[in-house]
């Protein structure tokens, strides 16, 4: 599944809850190391989630992301790509729920 097909849903989710696209990008950047330009490029070229995370410089603190997404504990997901996708989903959920950025970014 292309990252670009899910990205608009992330934007809609966070904006509906009063957060901004800039905050969404801050979360994506924290997790992947991609800047705004790289994020846009991945969206434009139709990068799959597998390619997206293969190219990412995953934040070492991403292991601190725990909790449930879609009824599954993210820390228990064995497939590395699916776990990384769920990490991103969890961060977006926390952003949409109004959590402080410091807590979302595990600072």
N, C-alpha and C. Protein backbone atom coordinates (compact mmCIF):
# COMPACT_ATOMS: atom_id res chain seq x y z
N UNK A 1 0.85 -1.18 0.00
CA UNK A 1 0.00 0.00 0.00
C UNK A 1 0.90 1.24 0.00
N UNK A 2 0.61 2.19 -0.86
CA UNK A 2 1.44 3.41 -0.92
C UNK A 2 1.22 4.32 0.30
N UNK A 3 2.32 4.86 0.79
CA UNK A 3 2.26 5.82 1.89
C UNK A 3 1.34 6.98 1.51
N UNK A 4 1.43 7.42 0.26
CA UNK A 4 0.65 8.56 -0.22
C UNK A 4 -0.85 8.33 -0.20
N UNK A 5 -1.29 7.08 -0.21
CA UNK A 5 -2.73 6.82 -0.18
C UNK A 5 -3.28 6.93 1.25
N UNK A 6 -2.42 6.77 2.25
CA UNK A 6 -2.84 6.85 3.65
C UNK A 6 -2.62 8.26 4.21
N UNK A 7 -1.61 8.95 3.69
CA UNK A 7 -1.24 10.27 4.19
C UNK A 7 -2.43 11.24 4.28
N UNK A 8 -3.29 11.36 3.24
CA UNK A 8 -4.43 12.30 3.36
C UNK A 8 -5.35 11.96 4.53
N UNK A 9 -5.45 10.69 4.88
CA UNK A 9 -6.28 10.29 6.02
C UNK A 9 -5.64 10.74 7.33
N UNK A 10 -4.30 10.69 7.39
CA UNK A 10 -3.60 11.22 8.57
C UNK A 10 -3.89 12.72 8.71
N UNK A 11 -3.79 13.44 7.59
CA UNK A 11 -4.02 14.90 7.61
C UNK A 11 -5.45 15.19 8.09
N UNK A 12 -6.42 14.51 7.50
CA UNK A 12 -7.81 14.71 7.88
C UNK A 12 -8.03 14.43 9.36
N UNK A 13 -7.46 13.34 9.83
CA UNK A 13 -7.64 12.95 11.24
C UNK A 13 -7.11 14.00 12.19
N UNK A 14 -5.89 14.49 11.94
CA UNK A 14 -5.30 15.45 12.88
C UNK A 14 -5.95 16.83 12.76
N UNK A 15 -6.28 17.25 11.53
CA UNK A 15 -6.90 18.57 11.36
C UNK A 15 -8.31 18.61 11.94
N UNK A 16 -9.02 17.49 11.84
CA UNK A 16 -10.37 17.43 12.41
C UNK A 16 -10.34 17.63 13.93
N UNK A 17 -9.22 17.27 14.53
CA UNK A 17 -9.06 17.40 15.98
C UNK A 17 -8.30 18.66 16.38
N UNK A 18 -8.12 19.59 15.42
CA UNK A 18 -7.51 20.87 15.75
C UNK A 18 -5.99 20.90 15.72
N UNK A 19 -5.37 19.85 15.20
CA UNK A 19 -3.91 19.84 15.07
C UNK A 19 -3.57 20.25 13.63
N UNK A 20 -2.28 20.45 13.36
CA UNK A 20 -1.87 20.97 12.05
C UNK A 20 -1.07 19.95 11.26
N UNK A 21 -1.00 20.21 9.95
CA UNK A 21 -0.15 19.38 9.09
C UNK A 21 1.31 19.51 9.50
N UNK A 22 1.71 20.69 9.96
CA UNK A 22 3.09 20.89 10.42
C UNK A 22 3.39 19.98 11.61
N UNK A 23 2.42 19.83 12.51
CA UNK A 23 2.61 18.93 13.65
C UNK A 23 2.67 17.47 13.19
N UNK A 24 1.85 17.13 12.21
CA UNK A 24 1.89 15.78 11.64
C UNK A 24 3.28 15.52 11.05
N UNK A 25 3.80 16.49 10.30
CA UNK A 25 5.13 16.33 9.71
C UNK A 25 6.20 16.22 10.79
N UNK A 26 6.03 16.94 11.88
CA UNK A 26 6.99 16.86 12.98
C UNK A 26 7.04 15.43 13.53
N UNK A 27 5.88 14.80 13.66
CA UNK A 27 5.79 13.43 14.15
C UNK A 27 6.43 12.46 13.14
N UNK A 28 6.10 12.63 11.86
CA UNK A 28 6.67 11.76 10.82
C UNK A 28 8.19 11.93 10.77
N UNK A 29 8.65 13.16 10.88
CA UNK A 29 10.09 13.43 10.86
C UNK A 29 10.78 12.79 12.06
N UNK A 30 10.17 12.90 13.22
CA UNK A 30 10.76 12.30 14.42
C UNK A 30 10.94 10.79 14.23
N UNK A 31 9.91 10.13 13.67
CA UNK A 31 9.95 8.68 13.52
C UNK A 31 10.91 8.24 12.41
N UNK A 32 10.89 8.96 11.27
CA UNK A 32 11.59 8.47 10.07
C UNK A 32 12.87 9.22 9.72
N UNK A 33 13.01 10.44 10.21
CA UNK A 33 14.15 11.26 9.81
C UNK A 33 13.91 12.03 8.51
N UNK A 34 12.77 11.84 7.86
CA UNK A 34 12.47 12.54 6.61
C UNK A 34 12.05 13.98 6.89
N UNK A 35 12.57 14.92 6.09
CA UNK A 35 12.11 16.30 6.19
C UNK A 35 10.86 16.48 5.33
N UNK A 36 10.29 17.69 5.33
CA UNK A 36 9.06 17.95 4.58
C UNK A 36 9.21 17.61 3.10
N UNK A 37 10.37 17.95 2.54
CA UNK A 37 10.61 17.69 1.11
C UNK A 37 10.62 16.19 0.82
N UNK A 38 11.26 15.42 1.68
CA UNK A 38 11.33 13.97 1.48
C UNK A 38 9.94 13.34 1.65
N UNK A 39 9.18 13.83 2.62
CA UNK A 39 7.82 13.32 2.81
C UNK A 39 7.00 13.56 1.55
N UNK A 40 7.06 14.78 1.01
CA UNK A 40 6.32 15.13 -0.21
C UNK A 40 6.76 14.26 -1.39
N UNK A 41 8.06 14.01 -1.49
CA UNK A 41 8.58 13.19 -2.59
C UNK A 41 8.03 11.76 -2.49
N UNK A 42 8.01 11.19 -1.29
CA UNK A 42 7.49 9.83 -1.11
C UNK A 42 6.00 9.77 -1.47
N UNK A 43 5.27 10.83 -1.15
CA UNK A 43 3.85 10.88 -1.50
C UNK A 43 3.69 10.95 -3.02
N UNK A 44 4.47 11.83 -3.65
CA UNK A 44 4.35 12.06 -5.10
C UNK A 44 4.72 10.84 -5.94
N UNK A 45 5.74 10.10 -5.52
CA UNK A 45 6.19 8.96 -6.35
C UNK A 45 5.47 7.66 -6.01
N UNK A 46 4.62 7.68 -5.00
CA UNK A 46 3.84 6.48 -4.67
C UNK A 46 4.63 5.41 -3.94
N UNK A 47 5.55 5.84 -3.10
CA UNK A 47 6.37 4.91 -2.32
C UNK A 47 5.49 4.02 -1.45
N UNK A 48 5.75 2.72 -1.49
CA UNK A 48 5.02 1.80 -0.61
C UNK A 48 5.50 1.99 0.82
N UNK A 49 4.70 1.53 1.77
CA UNK A 49 5.13 1.62 3.17
C UNK A 49 6.43 0.86 3.39
N UNK A 50 6.58 -0.28 2.72
CA UNK A 50 7.80 -1.07 2.86
C UNK A 50 9.02 -0.27 2.39
N UNK A 51 8.90 0.37 1.23
CA UNK A 51 10.00 1.21 0.71
C UNK A 51 10.21 2.44 1.58
N UNK A 52 9.11 3.02 2.05
CA UNK A 52 9.16 4.21 2.90
C UNK A 52 9.99 3.94 4.15
N UNK A 53 9.68 2.85 4.84
CA UNK A 53 10.40 2.55 6.08
C UNK A 53 11.78 1.97 5.82
N UNK A 54 12.00 1.33 4.66
CA UNK A 54 13.34 0.85 4.32
C UNK A 54 14.29 2.03 4.12
N UNK A 55 13.77 3.13 3.59
CA UNK A 55 14.59 4.33 3.34
C UNK A 55 14.72 5.20 4.58
N UNK A 56 13.90 4.95 5.58
CA UNK A 56 13.88 5.79 6.78
C UNK A 56 15.06 5.49 7.70
N UNK A 57 15.45 6.52 8.43
CA UNK A 57 16.42 6.38 9.51
C UNK A 57 15.60 6.38 10.80
N UNK A 58 15.06 5.21 11.14
CA UNK A 58 14.10 5.10 12.24
C UNK A 58 14.70 5.59 13.56
N UNK A 59 13.94 6.40 14.25
CA UNK A 59 14.38 6.95 15.53
C UNK A 59 14.61 5.81 16.52
N UNK A 60 15.79 5.79 17.18
CA UNK A 60 16.06 4.71 18.14
C UNK A 60 15.05 4.67 19.29
N UNK A 61 14.43 5.79 19.59
CA UNK A 61 13.44 5.83 20.67
C UNK A 61 12.08 5.29 20.23
N UNK A 62 11.96 4.86 18.97
CA UNK A 62 10.68 4.33 18.50
C UNK A 62 10.27 3.08 19.27
N UNK A 63 11.24 2.39 19.86
CA UNK A 63 10.92 1.22 20.68
C UNK A 63 10.11 1.59 21.91
N UNK A 64 10.10 2.87 22.26
CA UNK A 64 9.33 3.34 23.42
C UNK A 64 7.85 3.50 23.09
N UNK A 65 7.49 3.38 21.81
CA UNK A 65 6.09 3.50 21.40
C UNK A 65 5.39 2.20 21.76
N UNK A 66 4.41 2.31 22.64
CA UNK A 66 3.65 1.14 23.06
C UNK A 66 2.17 1.49 23.04
N UNK A 67 1.36 0.48 23.15
CA UNK A 67 -0.08 0.71 23.18
C UNK A 67 -0.79 -0.10 22.12
N UNK A 68 -2.07 0.18 21.98
CA UNK A 68 -2.92 -0.61 21.09
C UNK A 68 -3.37 0.24 19.91
N UNK A 69 -3.23 -0.34 18.72
CA UNK A 69 -3.75 0.26 17.49
C UNK A 69 -4.54 -0.82 16.78
N UNK A 70 -5.78 -0.54 16.46
CA UNK A 70 -6.66 -1.50 15.79
C UNK A 70 -6.74 -2.81 16.57
N UNK A 71 -6.76 -2.72 17.90
CA UNK A 71 -6.91 -3.89 18.74
C UNK A 71 -5.66 -4.73 18.91
N UNK A 72 -4.52 -4.25 18.42
CA UNK A 72 -3.27 -5.02 18.50
C UNK A 72 -2.22 -4.18 19.22
N UNK A 73 -1.49 -4.79 20.15
CA UNK A 73 -0.40 -4.10 20.83
C UNK A 73 0.76 -3.93 19.86
N UNK A 74 1.16 -2.68 19.62
CA UNK A 74 2.20 -2.42 18.62
C UNK A 74 3.51 -3.09 18.97
N UNK A 75 3.84 -3.16 20.26
CA UNK A 75 5.11 -3.75 20.66
C UNK A 75 5.15 -5.27 20.46
N UNK A 76 4.01 -5.89 20.19
CA UNK A 76 3.95 -7.34 19.99
C UNK A 76 3.89 -7.74 18.52
N UNK A 77 3.86 -6.78 17.61
CA UNK A 77 3.80 -7.08 16.18
C UNK A 77 5.17 -7.57 15.73
N UNK A 78 5.22 -8.75 15.14
CA UNK A 78 6.50 -9.35 14.77
C UNK A 78 7.04 -8.83 13.44
N UNK A 79 6.18 -8.62 12.46
CA UNK A 79 6.63 -8.13 11.15
C UNK A 79 7.15 -6.70 11.32
N UNK A 80 8.44 -6.47 11.00
CA UNK A 80 9.04 -5.15 11.24
C UNK A 80 8.34 -4.01 10.50
N UNK A 81 7.96 -4.23 9.25
CA UNK A 81 7.31 -3.16 8.48
C UNK A 81 5.94 -2.85 9.08
N UNK A 82 5.18 -3.88 9.39
CA UNK A 82 3.85 -3.66 9.97
C UNK A 82 3.97 -2.97 11.32
N UNK A 83 4.99 -3.34 12.11
CA UNK A 83 5.20 -2.68 13.41
C UNK A 83 5.50 -1.20 13.21
N UNK A 84 6.32 -0.87 12.21
CA UNK A 84 6.67 0.53 11.93
C UNK A 84 5.45 1.31 11.45
N UNK A 85 4.63 0.69 10.61
CA UNK A 85 3.39 1.33 10.16
C UNK A 85 2.50 1.63 11.38
N UNK A 86 2.39 0.67 12.27
CA UNK A 86 1.56 0.86 13.46
C UNK A 86 2.17 1.87 14.42
N UNK A 87 3.52 1.97 14.46
CA UNK A 87 4.15 3.04 15.24
C UNK A 87 3.65 4.39 14.74
N UNK A 88 3.66 4.56 13.42
CA UNK A 88 3.21 5.82 12.83
C UNK A 88 1.73 6.04 13.14
N UNK A 89 0.92 5.00 12.99
CA UNK A 89 -0.50 5.11 13.31
C UNK A 89 -0.70 5.54 14.77
N UNK A 90 0.07 4.96 15.66
CA UNK A 90 -0.04 5.28 17.09
C UNK A 90 0.32 6.73 17.36
N UNK A 91 1.40 7.21 16.72
CA UNK A 91 1.81 8.60 16.90
C UNK A 91 0.73 9.55 16.37
N UNK A 92 0.15 9.22 15.22
CA UNK A 92 -0.92 10.05 14.65
C UNK A 92 -2.14 10.04 15.58
N UNK A 93 -2.47 8.88 16.12
CA UNK A 93 -3.59 8.79 17.08
C UNK A 93 -3.34 9.69 18.29
N UNK A 94 -2.12 9.63 18.83
CA UNK A 94 -1.79 10.44 20.00
C UNK A 94 -1.87 11.93 19.67
N UNK A 95 -1.42 12.31 18.48
CA UNK A 95 -1.50 13.70 18.05
C UNK A 95 -2.96 14.14 17.96
N UNK A 96 -3.79 13.30 17.34
CA UNK A 96 -5.21 13.63 17.18
C UNK A 96 -5.94 13.69 18.52
N UNK A 97 -5.46 12.92 19.49
CA UNK A 97 -6.11 12.92 20.81
C UNK A 97 -5.69 14.10 21.66
N UNK A 98 -4.78 14.93 21.15
CA UNK A 98 -4.41 16.14 21.86
C UNK A 98 -3.26 16.00 22.83
N UNK A 99 -2.54 14.89 22.76
CA UNK A 99 -1.39 14.72 23.64
C UNK A 99 -0.35 15.79 23.37
N UNK A 100 0.40 16.14 24.38
CA UNK A 100 1.49 17.12 24.24
C UNK A 100 2.57 16.54 23.33
N UNK A 101 3.15 17.39 22.49
CA UNK A 101 4.16 16.94 21.54
C UNK A 101 5.34 16.28 22.26
N UNK A 102 5.72 16.78 23.43
CA UNK A 102 6.84 16.20 24.18
C UNK A 102 6.57 14.74 24.53
N UNK A 103 5.33 14.43 24.87
CA UNK A 103 4.97 13.05 25.20
C UNK A 103 4.91 12.19 23.95
N UNK A 104 4.36 12.74 22.87
CA UNK A 104 4.28 12.00 21.62
C UNK A 104 5.67 11.62 21.13
N UNK A 105 6.60 12.56 21.24
CA UNK A 105 7.96 12.34 20.74
C UNK A 105 8.86 11.66 21.77
N UNK A 106 8.26 11.17 22.83
CA UNK A 106 8.99 10.42 23.86
C UNK A 106 10.20 11.19 24.36
N UNK A 107 10.02 12.50 24.57
CA UNK A 107 11.14 13.36 25.01
C UNK A 107 11.29 13.34 26.51
